[in-house]
PDB file of N, CA and C in Angstrom:
ATOM      1  N   MET A   1      62.045  98.627  97.113  1.00  0.00           N
ATOM      2  CA  MET A   1      62.058  99.566  98.213  1.00  0.00           C
ATOM      3  C   MET A   1      63.418  99.618  98.893  1.00  0.00           C
ATOM      4  N   CYS A   2      63.962  98.501  99.329  1.00  0.00           N
ATOM      5  CA  CYS A   2      65.186  98.508 100.124  1.00  0.00           C
ATOM      6  C   CYS A   2      66.450  98.773  99.317  1.00  0.00           C
ATOM      7  N   ARG A   3      66.355  98.792  98.017  1.00  0.00           N
ATOM      8  CA  ARG A   3      67.547  99.090  97.224  1.00  0.00           C
ATOM      9  C   ARG A   3      68.080 100.479  97.543  1.00  0.00           C
ATOM     10  N   ASN A   4      67.254 101.333  98.126  1.00  0.00           N
ATOM     11  CA  ASN A   4      67.663 102.689  98.440  1.00  0.00           C
ATOM     12  C   ASN A   4      68.433 102.791  99.743  1.00  0.00           C
ATOM     13  N   ILE A   5      68.506 101.720 100.501  1.00  0.00           N
ATOM     14  CA  ILE A   5      69.262 101.759 101.748  1.00  0.00           C
ATOM     15  C   ILE A   5      70.736 101.578 101.408  1.00  0.00           C
ATOM     16  N   LYS A   6      71.517 102.587 101.736  1.00  0.00           N
ATOM     17  CA  LYS A   6      72.948 102.592 101.432  1.00  0.00           C
ATOM     18  C   LYS A   6      73.745 102.376 102.717  1.00  0.00           C
ATOM     19  N   PRO A   7      74.941 101.796 102.604  1.00  0.00           N
ATOM     20  CA  PRO A   7      75.794 101.711 103.788  1.00  0.00           C
ATOM     21  C   PRO A   7      76.056 103.120 104.338  1.00  0.00           C
ATOM     22  N   LEU A   8      76.029 103.251 105.652  1.00  0.00           N
ATOM     23  CA  LEU A   8      76.209 104.561 106.282  1.00  0.00           C
ATOM     24  C   LEU A   8      77.436 104.620 107.182  1.00  0.00           C
ATOM     25  N   PHE A   9      78.104 103.497 107.384  1.00  0.00           N
ATOM     26  CA  PHE A   9      79.228 103.466 108.309  1.00  0.00           C
ATOM     27  C   PHE A   9      80.551 103.770 107.620  1.00  0.00           C
ATOM     28  N   ASN A  10      81.408 104.440 108.325  1.00  0.00           N
ATOM     29  CA  ASN A  10      82.797 104.714 107.945  1.00  0.00           C
ATOM     30  C   ASN A  10      82.913 105.599 106.705  1.00  0.00           C
ATOM     31  N   PHE A  11      82.129 106.667 106.703  1.00  0.00           N
ATOM     32  CA  PHE A  11      82.216 107.668 105.653  1.00  0.00           C
ATOM     33  C   PHE A  11      82.684 108.984 106.250  1.00  0.00           C
ATOM     34  N   GLU A  12      83.309 109.770 105.423  1.00  0.00           N
ATOM     35  CA  GLU A  12      83.713 111.110 105.818  1.00  0.00           C
ATOM     36  C   GLU A  12      83.065 112.083 104.856  1.00  0.00           C
ATOM     37  N   PRO A  13      82.220 112.962 105.304  1.00  0.00           N
ATOM     38  CA  PRO A  13      81.742 113.145 106.672  1.00  0.00           C
ATOM     39  C   PRO A  13      80.789 112.021 107.079  1.00  0.00           C
ATOM     40  N   PRO A  14      80.596 111.851 108.392  1.00  0.00           N
ATOM     41  CA  PRO A  14      79.719 110.776 108.879  1.00  0.00           C
ATOM     42  C   PRO A  14      78.286 110.944 108.386  1.00  0.00           C
ATOM     43  N   ALA A  15      77.537 109.877 108.495  1.00  0.00           N
ATOM     44  CA  ALA A  15      76.134 109.888 108.086  1.00  0.00           C
ATOM     45  C   ALA A  15      75.369 110.965 108.841  1.00  0.00           C
ATOM     46  N   THR A  16      74.485 111.635 108.129  1.00  0.00           N
ATOM     47  CA  THR A  16      73.656 112.668 108.750  1.00  0.00           C
ATOM     48  C   THR A  16      72.405 112.034 109.342  1.00  0.00           C
ATOM     49  N   GLU A  17      71.733 112.779 110.200  1.00  0.00           N
ATOM     50  CA  GLU A  17      70.473 112.299 110.759  1.00  0.00           C
ATOM     51  C   GLU A  17      69.454 112.072 109.640  1.00  0.00           C
ATOM     52  N   GLU A  18      69.500 112.916 108.612  1.00  0.00           N
ATOM     53  CA  GLU A  18      68.584 112.763 107.477  1.00  0.00           C
ATOM     54  C   GLU A  18      68.822 111.442 106.747  1.00  0.00           C
ATOM     55  N   GLU A  19      70.077 111.070 106.564  1.00  0.00           N
ATOM     56  CA  GLU A  19      70.395 109.799 105.902  1.00  0.00           C
ATOM     57  C   GLU A  19      69.946 108.613 106.748  1.00  0.00           C
ATOM     58  N   ILE A  20      70.162 108.697 108.040  1.00  0.00           N
ATOM     59  CA  ILE A  20      69.746 107.622 108.942  1.00  0.00           C
ATOM     60  C   ILE A  20      68.229 107.509 108.961  1.00  0.00           C
ATOM     61  N   GLN A  21      67.545 108.639 109.013  1.00  0.00           N
ATOM     62  CA  GLN A  21      66.077 108.639 109.012  1.00  0.00           C
ATOM     63  C   GLN A  21      65.555 108.055 107.702  1.00  0.00           C
ATOM     64  N   GLY A  22      66.178 108.419 106.580  1.00  0.00           N
ATOM     65  CA  GLY A  22      65.756 107.900 105.278  1.00  0.00           C
ATOM     66  C   GLY A  22      65.937 106.398 105.175  1.00  0.00           C
ATOM     67  N   ALA A  23      67.070 105.894 105.649  1.00  0.00           N
ATOM     68  CA  ALA A  23      67.311 104.451 105.633  1.00  0.00           C
ATOM     69  C   ALA A  23      66.312 103.737 106.550  1.00  0.00           C
ATOM     70  N   SER A  24      66.010 104.343 107.678  1.00  0.00           N
ATOM     71  CA  SER A  24      65.052 103.758 108.619  1.00  0.00           C
ATOM     72  C   SER A  24      63.659 103.703 108.010  1.00  0.00           C
ATOM     73  N   LEU A  25      63.275 104.765 107.319  1.00  0.00           N
ATOM     74  CA  LEU A  25      61.977 104.792 106.641  1.00  0.00           C
ATOM     75  C   LEU A  25      61.895 103.680 105.601  1.00  0.00           C
ATOM     76  N   GLN A  26      62.945 103.507 104.806  1.00  0.00           N
ATOM     77  CA  GLN A  26      62.957 102.455 103.793  1.00  0.00           C
ATOM     78  C   GLN A  26      62.859 101.072 104.439  1.00  0.00           C
ATOM     79  N   PHE A  27      63.560 100.879 105.546  1.00  0.00           N
ATOM     80  CA  PHE A  27      63.529  99.596 106.246  1.00  0.00           C
ATOM     81  C   PHE A  27      62.120  99.291 106.749  1.00  0.00           C
ATOM     82  N   VAL A  28      61.485 100.270 107.387  1.00  0.00           N
ATOM     83  CA  VAL A  28      60.135 100.053 107.922  1.00  0.00           C
ATOM     84  C   VAL A  28      59.140  99.835 106.783  1.00  0.00           C
ATOM     85  N   ARG A  29      59.306 100.559 105.686  1.00  0.00           N
ATOM     86  CA  ARG A  29      58.443 100.327 104.522  1.00  0.00           C
ATOM     87  C   ARG A  29      58.575  98.889 104.033  1.00  0.00           C
ATOM     88  N   LYS A  30      59.800  98.414 103.973  1.00  0.00           N
ATOM     89  CA  LYS A  30      60.051  97.067 103.456  1.00  0.00           C
ATOM     90  C   LYS A  30      59.423  96.007 104.352  1.00  0.00           C
ATOM     91  N   ILE A  31      59.700  96.085 105.645  1.00  0.00           N
ATOM     92  CA  ILE A  31      59.212  95.012 106.519  1.00  0.00           C
ATOM     93  C   ILE A  31      57.702  95.099 106.761  1.00  0.00           C
ATOM     94  N   SER A  32      57.124  96.310 106.653  1.00  0.00           N
ATOM     95  CA  SER A  32      55.678  96.430 106.849  1.00  0.00           C
ATOM     96  C   SER A  32      54.911  96.118 105.562  1.00  0.00           C
ATOM     97  N   GLY A  33      55.572  96.311 104.422  1.00  0.00           N
ATOM     98  CA  GLY A  33      54.894  96.128 103.153  1.00  0.00           C
ATOM     99  C   GLY A  33      54.092  97.347 102.727  1.00  0.00           C
ATOM    100  N   PHE A  34      54.198  98.439 103.481  1.00  0.00           N
ATOM    101  CA  PHE A  34      53.458  99.670 103.184  1.00  0.00           C
ATOM    102  C   PHE A  34      54.390 100.746 102.660  1.00  0.00           C
ATOM    103  N   PRO A  35      54.226 101.190 101.420  1.00  0.00           N
ATOM    104  CA  PRO A  35      54.987 102.358 100.980  1.00  0.00           C
ATOM    105  C   PRO A  35      54.545 103.600 101.755  1.00  0.00           C
ATOM    106  N   LYS A  36      53.257 103.629 102.091  1.00  0.00           N
ATOM    107  CA  LYS A  36      52.688 104.704 102.916  1.00  0.00           C
ATOM    108  C   LYS A  36      51.597 104.056 103.748  1.00  0.00           C
ATOM    109  N   PRO A  37      51.660 104.203 105.071  1.00  0.00           N
ATOM    110  CA  PRO A  37      50.665 103.530 105.911  1.00  0.00           C
ATOM    111  C   PRO A  37      49.305 104.204 105.839  1.00  0.00           C
ATOM    112  N   SER A  38      48.283 103.447 106.180  1.00  0.00           N
ATOM    113  CA  SER A  38      46.936 104.011 106.293  1.00  0.00           C
ATOM    114  C   SER A  38      46.899 104.924 107.521  1.00  0.00           C
ATOM    115  N   GLN A  39      45.843 105.720 107.631  1.00  0.00           N
ATOM    116  CA  GLN A  39      45.708 106.592 108.803  1.00  0.00           C
ATOM    117  C   GLN A  39      45.688 105.777 110.088  1.00  0.00           C
ATOM    118  N   ALA A  40      45.084 104.603 110.035  1.00  0.00           N
ATOM    119  CA  ALA A  40      45.001 103.753 111.225  1.00  0.00           C
ATOM    120  C   ALA A  40      46.377 103.276 111.680  1.00  0.00           C
ATOM    121  N   ASN A  41      47.312 103.148 110.750  1.00  0.00           N
ATOM    122  CA  ASN A  41      48.649 102.635 111.078  1.00  0.00           C
ATOM    123  C   ASN A  41      49.723 103.718 111.103  1.00  0.00           C
ATOM    124  N   GLU A  42      49.356 104.956 110.824  1.00  0.00           N
ATOM    125  CA  GLU A  42      50.338 106.021 110.687  1.00  0.00           C
ATOM    126  C   GLU A  42      51.172 106.244 111.956  1.00  0.00           C
ATOM    127  N   ALA A  43      50.552 106.257 113.109  1.00  0.00           N
ATOM    128  CA  ALA A  43      51.277 106.496 114.361  1.00  0.00           C
ATOM    129  C   ALA A  43      52.262 105.364 114.648  1.00  0.00           C
ATOM    130  N   ALA A  44      51.825 104.133 114.474  1.00  0.00           N
ATOM    131  CA  ALA A  44      52.705 102.986 114.711  1.00  0.00           C
ATOM    132  C   ALA A  44      53.866 102.996 113.727  1.00  0.00           C
ATOM    133  N   PHE A  45      53.589 103.348 112.481  1.00  0.00           N
ATOM    134  CA  PHE A  45      54.603 103.412 111.432  1.00  0.00           C
ATOM    135  C   PHE A  45      55.654 104.471 111.780  1.00  0.00           C
ATOM    136  N   ALA A  46      55.204 105.676 112.141  1.00  0.00           N
ATOM    137  CA  ALA A  46      56.118 106.765 112.489  1.00  0.00           C
ATOM    138  C   ALA A  46      56.957 106.411 113.714  1.00  0.00           C
ATOM    139  N   LYS A  47      56.336 105.774 114.699  1.00  0.00           N
ATOM    140  CA  LYS A  47      57.068 105.367 115.904  1.00  0.00           C
ATOM    141  C   LYS A  47      58.139 104.348 115.551  1.00  0.00           C
ATOM    142  N   ALA A  48      57.807 103.402 114.681  1.00  0.00           N
ATOM    143  CA  ALA A  48      58.773 102.388 114.263  1.00  0.00           C
ATOM    144  C   ALA A  48      59.949 103.025 113.534  1.00  0.00           C
ATOM    145  N   VAL A  49      59.682 103.985 112.656  1.00  0.00           N
ATOM    146  CA  VAL A  49      60.759 104.668 111.933  1.00  0.00           C
ATOM    147  C   VAL A  49      61.687 105.362 112.925  1.00  0.00           C
ATOM    148  N   ASP A  50      61.117 106.057 113.905  1.00  0.00           N
ATOM    149  CA  ASP A  50      61.936 106.747 114.908  1.00  0.00           C
ATOM    150  C   ASP A  50      62.767 105.772 115.737  1.00  0.00           C
ATOM    151  N   GLU A  51      62.177 104.647 116.113  1.00  0.00           N
ATOM    152  CA  GLU A  51      62.900 103.657 116.918  1.00  0.00           C
ATOM    153  C   GLU A  51      64.019 102.999 116.114  1.00  0.00           C
ATOM    154  N   VAL A  52      63.772 102.705 114.846  1.00  0.00           N
ATOM    155  CA  VAL A  52      64.812 102.124 114.000  1.00  0.00           C
ATOM    156  C   VAL A  52      65.940 103.133 113.799  1.00  0.00           C
ATOM    157  N   ALA A  53      65.595 104.394 113.592  1.00  0.00           N
ATOM    158  CA  ALA A  53      66.614 105.436 113.420  1.00  0.00           C
ATOM    159  C   ALA A  53      67.470 105.568 114.671  1.00  0.00           C
ATOM    160  N   GLU A  54      66.837 105.502 115.824  1.00  0.00           N
ATOM    161  CA  GLU A  54      67.580 105.589 117.088  1.00  0.00           C
ATOM    162  C   GLU A  54      68.533 104.401 117.237  1.00  0.00           C
ATOM    163  N   ALA A  55      68.059 103.210 116.923  1.00  0.00           N
ATOM    164  CA  ALA A  55      68.908 102.018 116.993  1.00  0.00           C
ATOM    165  C   ALA A  55      70.053 102.103 115.986  1.00  0.00           C
ATOM    166  N   ALA A  56      69.755 102.601 114.793  1.00  0.00           N
ATOM    167  CA  ALA A  56      70.792 102.741 113.765  1.00  0.00           C
ATOM    168  C   ALA A  56      71.863 103.732 114.207  1.00  0.00           C
ATOM    169  N   ARG A  57      71.460 104.847 114.799  1.00  0.00           N
ATOM    170  CA  ARG A  57      72.424 105.839 115.283  1.00  0.00           C
ATOM    171  C   ARG A  57      73.310 105.230 116.363  1.00  0.00           C
ATOM    172  N   ARG A  58      72.714 104.499 117.306  1.00  0.00           N
ATOM    173  CA  ARG A  58      73.515 103.849 118.358  1.00  0.00           C
ATOM    174  C   ARG A  58      74.504 102.870 117.738  1.00  0.00           C
ATOM    175  N   LEU A  59      74.046 102.098 116.761  1.00  0.00           N
ATOM    176  CA  LEU A  59      74.928 101.141 116.094  1.00  0.00           C
ATOM    177  C   LEU A  59      76.086 101.863 115.422  1.00  0.00           C
ATOM    178  N   LEU A  60      75.789 102.874 114.613  1.00  0.00           N
ATOM    179  CA  LEU A  60      76.839 103.592 113.900  1.00  0.00           C
ATOM    180  C   LEU A  60      77.830 104.243 114.862  1.00  0.00           C
ATOM    181  N   ASP A  61      77.327 104.752 115.979  1.00  0.00           N
ATOM    182  CA  ASP A  61      78.200 105.386 116.972  1.00  0.00           C
ATOM    183  C   ASP A  61      79.088 104.384 117.699  1.00  0.00           C
ATOM    184  N   SER A  62      78.682 103.116 117.747  1.00  0.00           N
ATOM    185  CA  SER A  62      79.459 102.124 118.500  1.00  0.00           C
ATOM    186  C   SER A  62      80.410 101.305 117.628  1.00  0.00           C
ATOM    187  N   LEU A  63      80.237 101.340 116.312  1.00  0.00           N
ATOM    188  CA  LEU A  63      81.106 100.574 115.419  1.00  0.00           C
ATOM    189  C   LEU A  63      82.496 101.206 115.322  1.00  0.00           C
ATOM    190  N   VAL A  64      83.503 100.363 115.157  1.00  0.00           N
ATOM    191  CA  VAL A  64      84.874 100.835 114.960  1.00  0.00           C
ATOM    192  C   VAL A  64      85.442 100.198 113.698  1.00  0.00           C
ATOM    193  N   SER A  65      86.375 100.884 113.088  1.00  0.00           N
ATOM    194  CA  SER A  65      87.003 100.361 111.876  1.00  0.00           C
ATOM    195  C   SER A  65      88.461 100.783 111.843  1.00  0.00           C
ATOM    196  N   GLN A  66      89.301  99.873 111.391  1.00  0.00           N
ATOM    197  CA  GLN A  66      90.717 100.193 111.197  1.00  0.00           C
ATOM    198  C   GLN A  66      90.936 100.812 109.816  1.00  0.00           C
ATOM    199  N   ALA A  67      89.957 100.676 108.933  1.00  0.00           N
ATOM    200  CA  ALA A  67      90.062 101.206 107.571  1.00  0.00           C
ATOM    201  C   ALA A  67      89.859 102.717 107.581  1.00  0.00           C
ATOM    202  N   ALA A  68      90.483 103.367 106.636  1.00  0.00           N
ATOM    203  CA  ALA A  68      90.289 104.804 106.486  1.00  0.00           C
ATOM    204  C   ALA A  68      88.849 105.072 106.053  1.00  0.00           C
ATOM    205  N   PRO A  69      88.265 106.188 106.495  1.00  0.00           N
ATOM    206  CA  PRO A  69      86.898 106.512 106.067  1.00  0.00           C
ATOM    207  C   PRO A  69      86.817 106.635 104.554  1.00  0.00           C
ATOM    208  N   LYS A  70      85.679 106.192 104.018  1.00  0.00           N
ATOM    209  CA  LYS A  70      85.452 106.262 102.569  1.00  0.00           C
ATOM    210  C   LYS A  70      84.963 107.659 102.203  1.00  0.00           C
ATOM    211  N   SER A  71      85.276 108.054 100.987  1.00  0.00           N
ATOM    212  CA  SER A  71      84.830 109.334 100.462  1.00  0.00           C
ATOM    213  C   SER A  71      83.473 109.151  99.798  1.00  0.00           C
ATOM    214  N   ARG A  72      82.527 109.992 100.128  1.00  0.00           N
ATOM    215  CA  ARG A  72      81.201 109.915  99.517  1.00  0.00           C
ATOM    216  C   ARG A  72      81.272 110.151  98.019  1.00  0.00           C
ATOM    217  N   GLU A  73      82.113 111.082  97.602  1.00  0.00           N
ATOM    218  CA  GLU A  73      82.229 111.398  96.177  1.00  0.00           C
ATOM    219  C   GLU A  73      82.800 110.218  95.392  1.00  0.00           C
ATOM    220  N   VAL A  74      83.827 109.583  95.936  1.00  0.00           N
ATOM    221  CA  VAL A  74      84.438 108.439  95.258  1.00  0.00           C
ATOM    222  C   VAL A  74      83.443 107.286  95.174  1.00  0.00           C
ATOM    223  N   GLU A  75      82.742 107.018  96.248  1.00  0.00           N
ATOM    224  CA  GLU A  75      81.758 105.936  96.253  1.00  0.00           C
ATOM    225  C   GLU A  75      80.602 106.234  95.297  1.00  0.00           C
ATOM    226  N   ALA A  76      80.173 107.481  95.224  1.00  0.00           N
ATOM    227  CA  ALA A  76      79.101 107.857  94.296  1.00  0.00           C
ATOM    228  C   ALA A  76      79.552 107.657  92.852  1.00  0.00           C
ATOM    229  N   GLU A  77      80.796 108.009  92.543  1.00  0.00           N
ATOM    230  CA  GLU A  77      81.311 107.819  91.185  1.00  0.00           C
ATOM    231  C   GLU A  77      81.403 106.335  90.841  1.00  0.00           C
ATOM    232  N   ARG A  78      81.837 105.524  91.794  1.00  0.00           N
ATOM    233  CA  ARG A  78      81.882 104.066  91.567  1.00  0.00           C
ATOM    234  C   ARG A  78      80.485 103.522  91.283  1.00  0.00           C
ATOM    235  N   ALA A  79      79.499 104.005  92.018  1.00  0.00           N
ATOM    236  CA  ALA A  79      78.115 103.570  91.802  1.00  0.00           C
ATOM    237  C   ALA A  79      77.627 103.993  90.421  1.00  0.00           C
ATOM    238  N   ARG A  80      77.954 105.216  90.005  1.00  0.00           N
ATOM    239  CA  ARG A  80      77.555 105.674  88.669  1.00  0.00           C
ATOM    240  C   ARG A  80      78.171 104.791  87.586  1.00  0.00           C
ATOM    241  N   LEU A  81      79.445 104.435  87.760  1.00  0.00           N
ATOM    242  CA  LEU A  81      80.115 103.579  86.779  1.00  0.00           C
ATOM    243  C   LEU A  81      79.483 102.184  86.739  1.00  0.00           C
ATOM    244  N   ARG A  82      79.164 101.624  87.902  1.00  0.00           N
ATOM    245  CA  ARG A  82      78.503 100.314  87.953  1.00  0.00           C
ATOM    246  C   ARG A  82      77.153 100.375  87.255  1.00  0.00           C
ATOM    247  N   ASN A  83      76.394 101.432  87.529  1.00  0.00           N
ATOM    248  CA  ASN A  83      75.070 101.580  86.908  1.00  0.00           C
ATOM    249  C   ASN A  83      75.182 101.764  85.406  1.00  0.00           C
ATOM    250  N   ALA A  84      76.173 102.543  84.967  1.00  0.00           N
ATOM    251  CA  ALA A  84      76.357 102.746  83.524  1.00  0.00           C
ATOM    252  C   ALA A  84      76.704 101.424  82.850  1.00  0.00           C
ATOM    253  N   LYS A  85      77.526 100.627  83.499  1.00  0.00           N
ATOM    254  CA  LYS A  85      77.901  99.325  82.939  1.00  0.00           C
ATOM    255  C   LYS A  85      76.683  98.394  82.893  1.00  0.00           C
ATOM    256  N   ARG A  86      75.866  98.454  83.923  1.00  0.00           N
ATOM    257  CA  ARG A  86      74.711  97.561  84.017  1.00  0.00           C
ATOM    258  C   ARG A  86      73.549  98.022  83.139  1.00  0.00           C
ATOM    259  N   PHE A  87      73.255  99.324  83.140  1.00  0.00           N
ATOM    260  CA  PHE A  87      72.060  99.838  82.478  1.00  0.00           C
ATOM    261  C   PHE A  87      72.359 100.712  81.252  1.00  0.00           C
ATOM    262  N   GLY A  88      73.594 101.009  80.989  1.00  0.00           N
ATOM    263  CA  GLY A  88      73.945 101.913  79.888  1.00  0.00           C
ATOM    264  C   GLY A  88      74.106 103.332  80.435  1.00  0.00           C
ATOM    265  N   PRO A  89      74.697 104.202  79.650  1.00  0.00           N
ATOM    266  CA  PRO A  89      74.926 105.572  80.123  1.00  0.00           C
ATOM    267  C   PRO A  89      73.605 106.315  80.405  1.00  0.00           C
ATOM    268  N   ALA A  90      73.681 107.207  81.378  1.00  0.00           N
ATOM    269  CA  ALA A  90      72.494 108.007  81.716  1.00  0.00           C
ATOM    270  C   ALA A  90      72.169 108.957  80.583  1.00  0.00           C
ATOM    271  N   LYS A  91      70.883 109.109  80.320  1.00  0.00           N
ATOM    272  CA  LYS A  91      70.447 110.031  79.267  1.00  0.00           C
ATOM    273  C   LYS A  91      70.282 111.417  79.851  1.00  0.00           C
ATOM    274  N   GLU A  92      70.769 112.401  79.133  1.00  0.00           N
ATOM    275  CA  GLU A  92      70.623 113.774  79.580  1.00  0.00           C
ATOM    276  C   GLU A  92      69.325 114.322  79.026  1.00  0.00           C
ATOM    277  N   GLY A  93      68.660 115.119  79.841  1.00  0.00           N
ATOM    278  CA  GLY A  93      67.357 115.562  79.394  1.00  0.00           C
ATOM    279  C   GLY A  93      67.162 116.965  79.546  1.00  0.00           C
TER     280      GLY A  93
END
């Protein structure tokens, strides 16, 4: 589950609300153990995701870095190369 949480700080363009919400959802799924909550837990689950997203946004807004912002395209290509080395080239379908 949590393998999908990617670093969101110091990128150009900055992380979107959708990316922060997605990372927050993955985090809450991981710590709750629920890929999808039951109806009884749905409200608490959704509230937790929103609260984690809010905390993540505050954190990202308060962090500073002397390093130049990273390029999303360059980082994505590096990830593809790492995955190809680890798992073999992607199959086209």
